[in-house]
Full PDB file with SEQRES, HELIX, SHEET, SSBOND, CRYST1, ORIGX, SCALE, CONECT and MASTER records, all heavy atoms in Angstrom:
SEQRES   1 A   35  PRO LEU PHE ASN PRO ILE VAL TYR ILE THR ASN THR GLY          
SEQRES   2 A   35  GLU LYS TYR HIS GLN TYR HIS CYS GLN TYR LEU LEU GLU          
SEQRES   3 A   35  SER ARG ILE PRO ILE ARG LEU SER GLU                          
HELIX    1 AA1 GLN A   22  LEU A   24  5                                   3    
SHEET    1 AA1 2 ILE A   6  ILE A   9  0                                        
SHEET    2 AA1 2 ILE A  29  ARG A  32 -1                                        
CRYST1    1.000    1.000    1.000  90.00  90.00  90.00 P 1           1          
ORIGX1      1.000000  0.000000  0.000000        0.00000                         
ORIGX2      0.000000  1.000000  0.000000        0.00000                         
ORIGX3      0.000000  0.000000  1.000000        0.00000                         
SCALE1      1.000000  0.000000  0.000000        0.00000                         
SCALE2      0.000000  1.000000  0.000000        0.00000                         
SCALE3      0.000000  0.000000  1.000000        0.00000                         
ATOM      1  N   PRO A   1      -1.485 -23.307  20.851  1.00  0.00           N  
ATOM      2  CA  PRO A   1      -1.851 -21.993  21.601  1.00  0.00           C  
ATOM      3  C   PRO A   1      -2.910 -22.342  22.600  1.00  0.00           C  
ATOM      4  O   PRO A   1      -3.883 -23.122  22.337  1.00  0.00           O  
ATOM      5  CB  PRO A   1      -2.383 -21.194  20.414  1.00  0.00           C  
ATOM      6  CG  PRO A   1      -1.781 -21.676  19.218  1.00  0.00           C  
ATOM      7  CD  PRO A   1      -1.624 -23.177  19.387  1.00  0.00           C  
ATOM      8  N   LEU A   2      -2.813 -21.764  23.820  1.00  0.00           N  
ATOM      9  CA  LEU A   2      -3.757 -21.969  24.850  1.00  0.00           C  
ATOM     10  C   LEU A   2      -5.031 -21.192  24.585  1.00  0.00           C  
ATOM     11  O   LEU A   2      -6.153 -21.657  24.853  1.00  0.00           O  
ATOM     12  CB  LEU A   2      -3.215 -21.582  26.178  1.00  0.00           C  
ATOM     13  CG  LEU A   2      -4.090 -21.691  27.404  1.00  0.00           C  
ATOM     14  CD1 LEU A   2      -4.483 -23.129  27.638  1.00  0.00           C  
ATOM     15  CD2 LEU A   2      -3.462 -21.181  28.670  1.00  0.00           C  
ATOM     16  N   PHE A   3      -4.888 -20.002  24.024  1.00  0.00           N  
ATOM     17  CA  PHE A   3      -6.092 -19.077  23.780  1.00  0.00           C  
ATOM     18  C   PHE A   3      -6.022 -18.784  22.274  1.00  0.00           C  
ATOM     19  O   PHE A   3      -5.153 -18.144  21.797  1.00  0.00           O  
ATOM     20  CB  PHE A   3      -5.920 -17.811  24.629  1.00  0.00           C  
ATOM     21  CG  PHE A   3      -7.045 -16.827  24.380  1.00  0.00           C  
ATOM     22  CD1 PHE A   3      -8.326 -17.181  24.871  1.00  0.00           C  
ATOM     23  CD2 PHE A   3      -6.800 -15.627  23.702  1.00  0.00           C  
ATOM     24  CE1 PHE A   3      -9.372 -16.267  24.650  1.00  0.00           C  
ATOM     25  CE2 PHE A   3      -7.881 -14.806  23.609  1.00  0.00           C  
ATOM     26  CZ  PHE A   3      -9.136 -15.056  23.994  1.00  0.00           C  
ATOM     27  N   ASN A   4      -7.050 -19.257  21.565  1.00  0.00           N  
ATOM     28  CA  ASN A   4      -6.974 -19.110  20.091  1.00  0.00           C  
ATOM     29  C   ASN A   4      -8.436 -19.005  19.502  1.00  0.00           C  
ATOM     30  O   ASN A   4      -8.909 -19.839  18.802  1.00  0.00           O  
ATOM     31  CB  ASN A   4      -6.294 -20.403  19.528  1.00  0.00           C  
ATOM     32  CG  ASN A   4      -5.794 -20.225  18.042  1.00  0.00           C  
ATOM     33  OD1 ASN A   4      -5.729 -19.080  17.611  1.00  0.00           O  
ATOM     34  ND2 ASN A   4      -5.647 -21.289  17.424  1.00  0.00           N  
ATOM     35  N   PRO A   5      -9.049 -17.906  19.804  1.00  0.00           N  
ATOM     36  CA  PRO A   5     -10.408 -17.661  19.373  1.00  0.00           C  
ATOM     37  C   PRO A   5     -10.517 -17.272  17.877  1.00  0.00           C  
ATOM     38  O   PRO A   5      -9.468 -17.090  17.193  1.00  0.00           O  
ATOM     39  CB  PRO A   5     -10.859 -16.510  20.178  1.00  0.00           C  
ATOM     40  CG  PRO A   5      -9.610 -15.698  20.447  1.00  0.00           C  
ATOM     41  CD  PRO A   5      -8.548 -16.741  20.532  1.00  0.00           C  
ATOM     42  N   ILE A   6     -11.736 -17.295  17.400  1.00  0.00           N  
ATOM     43  CA  ILE A   6     -12.040 -16.808  16.101  1.00  0.00           C  
ATOM     44  C   ILE A   6     -11.953 -15.242  15.973  1.00  0.00           C  
ATOM     45  O   ILE A   6     -12.475 -14.596  16.857  1.00  0.00           O  
ATOM     46  CB  ILE A   6     -13.408 -17.260  15.584  1.00  0.00           C  
ATOM     47  CG1 ILE A   6     -13.540 -18.752  15.537  1.00  0.00           C  
ATOM     48  CG2 ILE A   6     -13.789 -16.643  14.242  1.00  0.00           C  
ATOM     49  CD1 ILE A   6     -12.843 -19.390  14.339  1.00  0.00           C  
ATOM     50  N   VAL A   7     -11.195 -14.785  14.952  1.00  0.00           N  
ATOM     51  CA  VAL A   7     -11.266 -13.324  14.645  1.00  0.00           C  
ATOM     52  C   VAL A   7     -11.625 -13.227  13.171  1.00  0.00           C  
ATOM     53  O   VAL A   7     -11.857 -14.276  12.504  1.00  0.00           O  
ATOM     54  CB  VAL A   7      -9.869 -12.644  14.935  1.00  0.00           C  
ATOM     55  CG1 VAL A   7      -9.604 -12.658  16.455  1.00  0.00           C  
ATOM     56  CG2 VAL A   7      -8.776 -13.364  14.198  1.00  0.00           C  
ATOM     57  N   TYR A   8     -11.706 -12.003  12.635  1.00  0.00           N  
ATOM     58  CA  TYR A   8     -12.180 -11.822  11.239  1.00  0.00           C  
ATOM     59  C   TYR A   8     -11.258 -10.907  10.444  1.00  0.00           C  
ATOM     60  O   TYR A   8     -10.772  -9.936  10.980  1.00  0.00           O  
ATOM     61  CB  TYR A   8     -13.607 -11.273  11.302  1.00  0.00           C  
ATOM     62  CG  TYR A   8     -14.575 -12.231  11.996  1.00  0.00           C  
ATOM     63  CD1 TYR A   8     -14.728 -12.168  13.372  1.00  0.00           C  
ATOM     64  CD2 TYR A   8     -15.268 -13.190  11.359  1.00  0.00           C  
ATOM     65  CE1 TYR A   8     -15.546 -13.051  14.028  1.00  0.00           C  
ATOM     66  CE2 TYR A   8     -16.157 -14.043  11.969  1.00  0.00           C  
ATOM     67  CZ  TYR A   8     -16.244 -13.980  13.314  1.00  0.00           C  
ATOM     68  OH  TYR A   8     -17.062 -14.861  13.992  1.00  0.00           O  
ATOM     69  N   ILE A   9     -11.038 -11.248   9.224  1.00  0.00           N  
ATOM     70  CA  ILE A   9     -10.282 -10.442   8.315  1.00  0.00           C  
ATOM     71  C   ILE A   9     -11.193 -10.112   7.118  1.00  0.00           C  
ATOM     72  O   ILE A   9     -12.269 -10.633   6.927  1.00  0.00           O  
ATOM     73  CB  ILE A   9      -9.013 -11.181   7.865  1.00  0.00           C  
ATOM     74  CG1 ILE A   9      -9.349 -12.467   7.175  1.00  0.00           C  
ATOM     75  CG2 ILE A   9      -8.082 -11.386   9.057  1.00  0.00           C  
ATOM     76  CD1 ILE A   9      -8.149 -13.208   6.640  1.00  0.00           C  
ATOM     77  N   THR A  10     -10.632  -9.203   6.240  1.00  0.00           N  
ATOM     78  CA  THR A  10     -11.384  -8.892   4.961  1.00  0.00           C  
ATOM     79  C   THR A  10     -10.573  -9.288   3.812  1.00  0.00           C  
ATOM     80  O   THR A  10      -9.458  -9.782   3.965  1.00  0.00           O  
ATOM     81  CB  THR A  10     -11.586  -7.352   4.962  1.00  0.00           C  
ATOM     82  OG1 THR A  10     -10.294  -6.696   4.862  1.00  0.00           O  
ATOM     83  CG2 THR A  10     -12.302  -6.803   6.190  1.00  0.00           C  
ATOM     84  N   ASN A  11     -11.161  -9.181   2.665  1.00  0.00           N  
ATOM     85  CA  ASN A  11     -10.560  -9.581   1.413  1.00  0.00           C  
ATOM     86  C   ASN A  11      -9.309  -8.726   1.068  1.00  0.00           C  
ATOM     87  O   ASN A  11      -8.365  -9.151   0.408  1.00  0.00           O  
ATOM     88  CB  ASN A  11     -11.491  -9.458   0.188  1.00  0.00           C  
ATOM     89  CG  ASN A  11     -12.551 -10.502   0.308  1.00  0.00           C  
ATOM     90  OD1 ASN A  11     -12.351 -11.574   0.725  1.00  0.00           O  
ATOM     91  ND2 ASN A  11     -13.834 -10.141  -0.152  1.00  0.00           N  
ATOM     92  N   THR A  12      -9.206  -7.458   1.566  1.00  0.00           N  
ATOM     93  CA  THR A  12      -8.196  -6.546   1.135  1.00  0.00           C  
ATOM     94  C   THR A  12      -7.367  -5.960   2.291  1.00  0.00           C  
ATOM     95  O   THR A  12      -6.299  -5.421   2.092  1.00  0.00           O  
ATOM     96  CB  THR A  12      -8.826  -5.373   0.345  1.00  0.00           C  
ATOM     97  OG1 THR A  12      -9.797  -4.753   1.088  1.00  0.00           O  
ATOM     98  CG2 THR A  12      -9.460  -5.946  -0.973  1.00  0.00           C  
ATOM     99  N   GLY A  13      -7.953  -5.989   3.517  1.00  0.00           N  
ATOM    100  CA  GLY A  13      -7.295  -5.337   4.677  1.00  0.00           C  
ATOM    101  C   GLY A  13      -6.043  -6.036   5.168  1.00  0.00           C  
ATOM    102  O   GLY A  13      -5.797  -7.179   4.831  1.00  0.00           O  
ATOM    103  N   GLU A  14      -5.386  -5.354   6.108  1.00  0.00           N  
ATOM    104  CA  GLU A  14      -4.205  -5.885   6.753  1.00  0.00           C  
ATOM    105  C   GLU A  14      -4.404  -6.080   8.220  1.00  0.00           C  
ATOM    106  O   GLU A  14      -3.400  -6.310   8.944  1.00  0.00           O  
ATOM    107  CB  GLU A  14      -3.009  -5.013   6.484  1.00  0.00           C  
ATOM    108  CG  GLU A  14      -2.675  -4.931   4.974  1.00  0.00           C  
ATOM    109  CD  GLU A  14      -1.472  -3.993   4.739  1.00  0.00           C  
ATOM    110  OE1 GLU A  14      -1.049  -3.337   5.613  1.00  0.00           O  
ATOM    111  OE2 GLU A  14      -0.988  -4.040   3.597  1.00  0.00           O  
ATOM    112  N   LYS A  15      -5.639  -5.892   8.678  1.00  0.00           N  
ATOM    113  CA  LYS A  15      -5.923  -5.942  10.170  1.00  0.00           C  
ATOM    114  C   LYS A  15      -6.878  -7.119  10.385  1.00  0.00           C  
ATOM    115  O   LYS A  15      -7.582  -7.599   9.551  1.00  0.00           O  
ATOM    116  CB  LYS A  15      -6.648  -4.695  10.662  1.00  0.00           C  
ATOM    117  CG  LYS A  15      -5.872  -3.403  10.327  1.00  0.00           C  
ATOM    118  CD  LYS A  15      -4.661  -3.187  11.214  1.00  0.00           C  
ATOM    119  CE  LYS A  15      -3.995  -1.834  10.951  1.00  0.00           C  
ATOM    120  NZ  LYS A  15      -2.852  -1.597  11.839  1.00  0.00           N  
ATOM    121  N   TYR A  16      -6.856  -7.662  11.652  1.00  0.00           N  
ATOM    122  CA  TYR A  16      -7.922  -8.607  12.009  1.00  0.00           C  
ATOM    123  C   TYR A  16      -8.831  -7.970  13.026  1.00  0.00           C  
ATOM    124  O   TYR A  16      -8.471  -6.977  13.739  1.00  0.00           O  
ATOM    125  CB  TYR A  16      -7.329  -9.943  12.566  1.00  0.00           C  
ATOM    126  CG  TYR A  16      -6.550  -9.820  13.875  1.00  0.00           C  
ATOM    127  CD1 TYR A  16      -7.221  -9.952  15.077  1.00  0.00           C  
ATOM    128  CD2 TYR A  16      -5.205  -9.765  13.897  1.00  0.00           C  
ATOM    129  CE1 TYR A  16      -6.547  -9.914  16.266  1.00  0.00           C  
ATOM    130  CE2 TYR A  16      -4.488  -9.726  15.031  1.00  0.00           C  
ATOM    131  CZ  TYR A  16      -5.159  -9.770  16.292  1.00  0.00           C  
ATOM    132  OH  TYR A  16      -4.514  -9.806  17.415  1.00  0.00           O  
ATOM    133  N   HIS A  17     -10.075  -8.342  13.133  1.00  0.00           N  
ATOM    134  CA  HIS A  17     -11.188  -7.638  13.828  1.00  0.00           C  
ATOM    135  C   HIS A  17     -12.026  -8.548  14.719  1.00  0.00           C  
ATOM    136  O   HIS A  17     -12.026  -9.757  14.516  1.00  0.00           O  
ATOM    137  CB  HIS A  17     -12.037  -6.964  12.847  1.00  0.00           C  
ATOM    138  CG  HIS A  17     -11.346  -6.131  11.754  1.00  0.00           C  
ATOM    139  ND1 HIS A  17     -11.142  -4.782  11.852  1.00  0.00           N  
ATOM    140  CD2 HIS A  17     -10.758  -6.593  10.565  1.00  0.00           C  
ATOM    141  CE1 HIS A  17     -10.442  -4.373  10.818  1.00  0.00           C  
ATOM    142  NE2 HIS A  17     -10.220  -5.459  10.011  1.00  0.00           N  
ATOM    143  N   GLN A  18     -12.789  -7.928  15.545  1.00  0.00           N  
ATOM    144  CA  GLN A  18     -13.946  -8.643  16.228  1.00  0.00           C  
ATOM    145  C   GLN A  18     -15.088  -8.648  15.287  1.00  0.00           C  
ATOM    146  O   GLN A  18     -15.158  -7.784  14.362  1.00  0.00           O  
ATOM    147  CB  GLN A  18     -14.226  -7.968  17.512  1.00  0.00           C  
ATOM    148  CG  GLN A  18     -13.150  -7.939  18.585  1.00  0.00           C  
ATOM    149  CD  GLN A  18     -13.644  -7.637  19.979  1.00  0.00           C  
ATOM    150  OE1 GLN A  18     -14.439  -8.388  20.453  1.00  0.00           O  
ATOM    151  NE2 GLN A  18     -13.150  -6.574  20.544  1.00  0.00           N  
ATOM    152  N   TYR A  19     -16.053  -9.511  15.532  1.00  0.00           N  
ATOM    153  CA  TYR A  19     -17.201  -9.752  14.633  1.00  0.00           C  
ATOM    154  C   TYR A  19     -18.009  -8.439  14.371  1.00  0.00           C  
ATOM    155  O   TYR A  19     -18.465  -8.233  13.213  1.00  0.00           O  
ATOM    156  CB  TYR A  19     -18.179 -10.788  15.242  1.00  0.00           C  
ATOM    157  CG  TYR A  19     -19.314 -11.131  14.342  1.00  0.00           C  
ATOM    158  CD1 TYR A  19     -19.190 -12.103  13.379  1.00  0.00           C  
ATOM    159  CD2 TYR A  19     -20.553 -10.497  14.515  1.00  0.00           C  
ATOM    160  CE1 TYR A  19     -20.315 -12.425  12.547  1.00  0.00           C  
ATOM    161  CE2 TYR A  19     -21.623 -10.805  13.673  1.00  0.00           C  
ATOM    162  CZ  TYR A  19     -21.522 -11.730  12.702  1.00  0.00           C  
ATOM    163  OH  TYR A  19     -22.524 -12.059  11.886  1.00  0.00           O  
ATOM    164  N   HIS A  20     -18.157  -7.610  15.351  1.00  0.00           N  
ATOM    165  CA  HIS A  20     -19.042  -6.468  15.229  1.00  0.00           C  
ATOM    166  C   HIS A  20     -18.297  -5.246  14.595  1.00  0.00           C  
ATOM    167  O   HIS A  20     -18.865  -4.164  14.490  1.00  0.00           O  
ATOM    168  CB  HIS A  20     -19.547  -6.004  16.609  1.00  0.00           C  
ATOM    169  CG  HIS A  20     -18.468  -5.743  17.606  1.00  0.00           C  
ATOM    170  ND1 HIS A  20     -17.645  -4.565  17.605  1.00  0.00           N  
ATOM    171  CD2 HIS A  20     -18.007  -6.503  18.616  1.00  0.00           C  
ATOM    172  CE1 HIS A  20     -16.787  -4.671  18.596  1.00  0.00           C  
ATOM    173  NE2 HIS A  20     -16.961  -5.780  19.221  1.00  0.00           N  
ATOM    174  N   CYS A  21     -17.087  -5.283  14.250  1.00  0.00           N  
ATOM    175  CA  CYS A  21     -16.273  -4.165  13.762  1.00  0.00           C  
ATOM    176  C   CYS A  21     -16.856  -3.474  12.533  1.00  0.00           C  
ATOM    177  O   CYS A  21     -17.344  -4.170  11.596  1.00  0.00           O  
ATOM    178  CB  CYS A  21     -14.845  -4.527  13.483  1.00  0.00           C  
ATOM    179  SG  CYS A  21     -13.752  -3.110  13.071  1.00  0.00           S  
ATOM    180  N   GLN A  22     -16.899  -2.158  12.449  1.00  0.00           N  
ATOM    181  CA  GLN A  22     -17.420  -1.440  11.424  1.00  0.00           C  
ATOM    182  C   GLN A  22     -16.702  -1.636  10.030  1.00  0.00           C  
ATOM    183  O   GLN A  22     -17.213  -1.411   8.942  1.00  0.00           O  
ATOM    184  CB  GLN A  22     -17.362   0.082  11.736  1.00  0.00           C  
ATOM    185  CG  GLN A  22     -16.026   0.601  11.893  1.00  0.00           C  
ATOM    186  CD  GLN A  22     -15.994   2.069  12.377  1.00  0.00           C  
ATOM    187  OE1 GLN A  22     -17.036   2.697  12.430  1.00  0.00           O  
ATOM    188  NE2 GLN A  22     -14.822   2.625  12.669  1.00  0.00           N  
ATOM    189  N   TYR A  23     -15.469  -2.111  10.107  1.00  0.00           N  
ATOM    190  CA  TYR A  23     -14.699  -2.358   8.909  1.00  0.00           C  
ATOM    191  C   TYR A  23     -14.996  -3.714   8.244  1.00  0.00           C  
ATOM    192  O   TYR A  23     -14.371  -4.084   7.254  1.00  0.00           O  
ATOM    193  CB  TYR A  23     -13.200  -2.210   9.243  1.00  0.00           C  
ATOM    194  CG  TYR A  23     -12.780  -0.877   9.584  1.00  0.00           C  
ATOM    195  CD1 TYR A  23     -12.342  -0.601  10.868  1.00  0.00           C  
ATOM    196  CD2 TYR A  23     -12.804   0.172   8.679  1.00  0.00           C  
ATOM    197  CE1 TYR A  23     -11.957   0.715  11.225  1.00  0.00           C  
ATOM    198  CE2 TYR A  23     -12.429   1.440   8.963  1.00  0.00           C  
ATOM    199  CZ  TYR A  23     -11.997   1.728  10.297  1.00  0.00           C  
ATOM    200  OH  TYR A  23     -11.660   2.970  10.650  1.00  0.00           O  
ATOM    201  N   LEU A  24     -15.965  -4.461   8.775  1.00  0.00           N  
ATOM    202  CA  LEU A  24     -16.338  -5.802   8.251  1.00  0.00           C  
ATOM    203  C   LEU A  24     -17.684  -5.721   7.489  1.00  0.00           C  
ATOM    204  O   LEU A  24     -18.261  -6.754   7.301  1.00  0.00           O  
ATOM    205  CB  LEU A  24     -16.391  -6.805   9.356  1.00  0.00           C  
ATOM    206  CG  LEU A  24     -15.127  -7.058  10.130  1.00  0.00           C  
ATOM    207  CD1 LEU A  24     -15.437  -8.081  11.285  1.00  0.00           C  
ATOM    208  CD2 LEU A  24     -14.069  -7.647   9.194  1.00  0.00           C  
ATOM    209  N   LEU A  25     -18.022  -4.542   7.078  1.00  0.00           N  
ATOM    210  CA  LEU A  25     -19.405  -4.410   6.428  1.00  0.00           C  
ATOM    211  C   LEU A  25     -19.430  -5.119   5.087  1.00  0.00           C  
ATOM    212  O   LEU A  25     -20.416  -5.660   4.672  1.00  0.00           O  
ATOM    213  CB  LEU A  25     -19.741  -2.956   6.283  1.00  0.00           C  
ATOM    214  CG  LEU A  25     -20.015  -2.171   7.595  1.00  0.00           C  
ATOM    215  CD1 LEU A  25     -20.292  -0.718   7.256  1.00  0.00           C  
ATOM    216  CD2 LEU A  25     -21.102  -2.778   8.368  1.00  0.00           C  
ATOM    217  N   GLU A  26     -18.327  -5.036   4.294  1.00  0.00           N  
ATOM    218  CA  GLU A  26     -18.264  -5.637   2.963  1.00  0.00           C  
ATOM    219  C   GLU A  26     -17.805  -7.072   2.916  1.00  0.00           C  
ATOM    220  O   GLU A  26     -18.185  -7.838   2.052  1.00  0.00           O  
ATOM    221  CB  GLU A  26     -17.468  -4.774   2.034  1.00  0.00           C  
ATOM    222  CG  GLU A  26     -18.020  -3.324   1.886  1.00  0.00           C  
ATOM    223  CD  GLU A  26     -17.277  -2.522   0.841  1.00  0.00           C  
ATOM    224  OE1 GLU A  26     -16.289  -3.087   0.268  1.00  0.00           O  
ATOM    225  OE2 GLU A  26     -17.612  -1.406   0.636  1.00  0.00           O  
ATOM    226  N   SER A  27     -16.943  -7.450   3.811  1.00  0.00           N  
ATOM    227  CA  SER A  27     -16.499  -8.862   3.903  1.00  0.00           C  
ATOM    228  C   SER A  27     -16.085  -9.216   5.302  1.00  0.00           C  
ATOM    229  O   SER A  27     -15.652  -8.316   6.077  1.00  0.00           O  
ATOM    230  CB  SER A  27     -15.327  -9.119   2.948  1.00  0.00           C  
ATOM    231  OG  SER A  27     -14.212  -8.397   3.362  1.00  0.00           O  
ATOM    232  N   ARG A  28     -16.326 -10.451   5.672  1.00  0.00           N  
ATOM    233  CA  ARG A  28     -16.105 -10.894   7.086  1.00  0.00           C  
ATOM    234  C   ARG A  28     -15.623 -12.427   6.883  1.00  0.00           C  
ATOM    235  O   ARG A  28     -16.449 -13.310   6.752  1.00  0.00           O  
ATOM    236  CB  ARG A  28     -17.273 -10.788   7.894  1.00  0.00           C  
ATOM    237  CG  ARG A  28     -17.102 -11.229   9.350  1.00  0.00           C  
ATOM    238  CD  ARG A  28     -18.399 -11.189  10.172  1.00  0.00           C  
ATOM    239  NE  ARG A  28     -18.798  -9.804  10.486  1.00  0.00           N  
ATOM    240  CZ  ARG A  28     -19.874  -9.290  10.071  1.00  0.00           C  
ATOM    241  NH1 ARG A  28     -20.696  -9.922   9.269  1.00  0.00           N  
ATOM    242  NH2 ARG A  28     -20.217  -8.046  10.405  1.00  0.00           N  
ATOM    243  N   ILE A  29     -14.325 -12.634   6.962  1.00  0.00           N  
ATOM    244  CA  ILE A  29     -13.775 -13.974   6.811  1.00  0.00           C  
ATOM    245  C   ILE A  29     -13.233 -14.476   8.151  1.00  0.00           C  
ATOM    246  O   ILE A  29     -12.317 -13.923   8.763  1.00  0.00           O  
ATOM    247  CB  ILE A  29     -12.589 -13.948   5.876  1.00  0.00           C  
ATOM    248  CG1 ILE A  29     -13.080 -13.305   4.471  1.00  0.00           C  
ATOM    249  CG2 ILE A  29     -12.048 -15.303   5.590  1.00  0.00           C  
ATOM    250  CD1 ILE A  29     -11.886 -13.046   3.552  1.00  0.00           C  
ATOM    251  N   PRO A  30     -13.875 -15.530   8.656  1.00  0.00           N  
ATOM    252  CA  PRO A  30     -13.394 -16.092   9.987  1.00  0.00           C  
ATOM    253  C   PRO A  30     -12.084 -16.767   9.927  1.00  0.00           C  
ATOM    254  O   PRO A  30     -11.769 -17.408   8.893  1.00  0.00           O  
ATOM    255  CB  PRO A  30     -14.527 -17.129  10.346  1.00  0.00           C  
ATOM    256  CG  PRO A  30     -15.073 -17.528   9.058  1.00  0.00           C  
ATOM    257  CD  PRO A  30     -14.935 -16.345   8.095  1.00  0.00           C  
ATOM    258  N   ILE A  31     -11.241 -16.584  10.921  1.00  0.00           N  
ATOM    259  CA  ILE A  31      -9.942 -17.196  10.947  1.00  0.00           C  
ATOM    260  C   ILE A  31      -9.453 -17.330  12.367  1.00  0.00           C  
ATOM    261  O   ILE A  31      -9.892 -16.489  13.210  1.00  0.00           O  
ATOM    262  CB  ILE A  31      -8.939 -16.271  10.117  1.00  0.00           C  
ATOM    263  CG1 ILE A  31      -7.573 -16.957  10.004  1.00  0.00           C  
ATOM    264  CG2 ILE A  31      -8.781 -14.942  10.750  1.00  0.00           C  
ATOM    265  CD1 ILE A  31      -6.630 -16.144   9.019  1.00  0.00           C  
ATOM    266  N   ARG A  32      -8.657 -18.315  12.700  1.00  0.00           N  
ATOM    267  CA  ARG A  32      -8.127 -18.438  14.028  1.00  0.00           C  
ATOM    268  C   ARG A  32      -7.081 -17.294  14.274  1.00  0.00           C  
ATOM    269  O   ARG A  32      -6.348 -16.854  13.423  1.00  0.00           O  
ATOM    270  CB  ARG A  32      -7.458 -19.749  14.248  1.00  0.00           C  
ATOM    271  CG  ARG A  32      -8.366 -20.941  14.440  1.00  0.00           C  
ATOM    272  CD  ARG A  32      -8.937 -20.915  15.861  1.00  0.00           C  
ATOM    273  NE  ARG A  32     -10.146 -21.756  15.947  1.00  0.00           N  
ATOM    274  CZ  ARG A  32     -11.072 -21.553  16.748  1.00  0.00           C  
ATOM    275  NH1 ARG A  32     -11.049 -20.604  17.642  1.00  0.00           N  
ATOM    276  NH2 ARG A  32     -12.108 -22.443  16.801  1.00  0.00           N  
ATOM    277  N   LEU A  33      -7.120 -16.837  15.573  1.00  0.00           N  
ATOM    278  CA  LEU A  33      -6.159 -15.750  15.922  1.00  0.00           C  
ATOM    279  C   LEU A  33      -4.808 -16.149  15.598  1.00  0.00           C  
ATOM    280  O   LEU A  33      -4.009 -15.307  15.026  1.00  0.00           O  
ATOM    281  CB  LEU A  33      -6.363 -15.473  17.441  1.00  0.00           C  
ATOM    282  CG  LEU A  33      -5.404 -14.451  18.016  1.00  0.00           C  
ATOM    283  CD1 LEU A  33      -5.423 -13.138  17.325  1.00  0.00           C  
ATOM    284  CD2 LEU A  33      -5.651 -14.296  19.567  1.00  0.00           C  
ATOM    285  N   SER A  34      -4.312 -17.392  15.941  1.00  0.00           N  
ATOM    286  CA  SER A  34      -2.977 -17.759  15.600  1.00  0.00           C  
ATOM    287  C   SER A  34      -2.629 -17.741  14.168  1.00  0.00           C  
ATOM    288  O   SER A  34      -1.521 -17.343  13.833  1.00  0.00           O  
ATOM    289  CB  SER A  34      -2.746 -19.186  16.216  1.00  0.00           C  
ATOM    290  OG  SER A  34      -3.575 -20.114  15.583  1.00  0.00           O  
ATOM    291  N   GLU A  35      -3.591 -18.102  13.350  1.00  0.00           N  
ATOM    292  CA  GLU A  35      -3.425 -18.082  11.930  1.00  0.00           C  
ATOM    293  C   GLU A  35      -3.221 -16.627  11.428  1.00  0.00           C  
ATOM    294  O   GLU A  35      -2.444 -16.326  10.490  1.00  0.00           O  
ATOM    295  CB  GLU A  35      -4.477 -18.832  11.192  1.00  0.00           C  
ATOM    296  CG  GLU A  35      -4.146 -19.116   9.723  1.00  0.00           C  
ATOM    297  CD  GLU A  35      -5.137 -20.068   9.062  1.00  0.00           C  
ATOM    298  OE1 GLU A  35      -6.145 -20.427   9.773  1.00  0.00           O  
ATOM    299  OE2 GLU A  35      -4.979 -20.434   7.933  1.00  0.00           O  
TER     300      GLU A  35                                                      
MASTER        0    0    0    1    2    0    0    6  299    1    0    3          
END                                                                             
């Protein structure tokens, strides 16, 4: 992938987020966008 930044997921959610997202208050797991 040419563009593959870090995004964030949670332990239980089905979405990926930016670092500052309000849905990351309880967990914030870094992951590559492609993954």
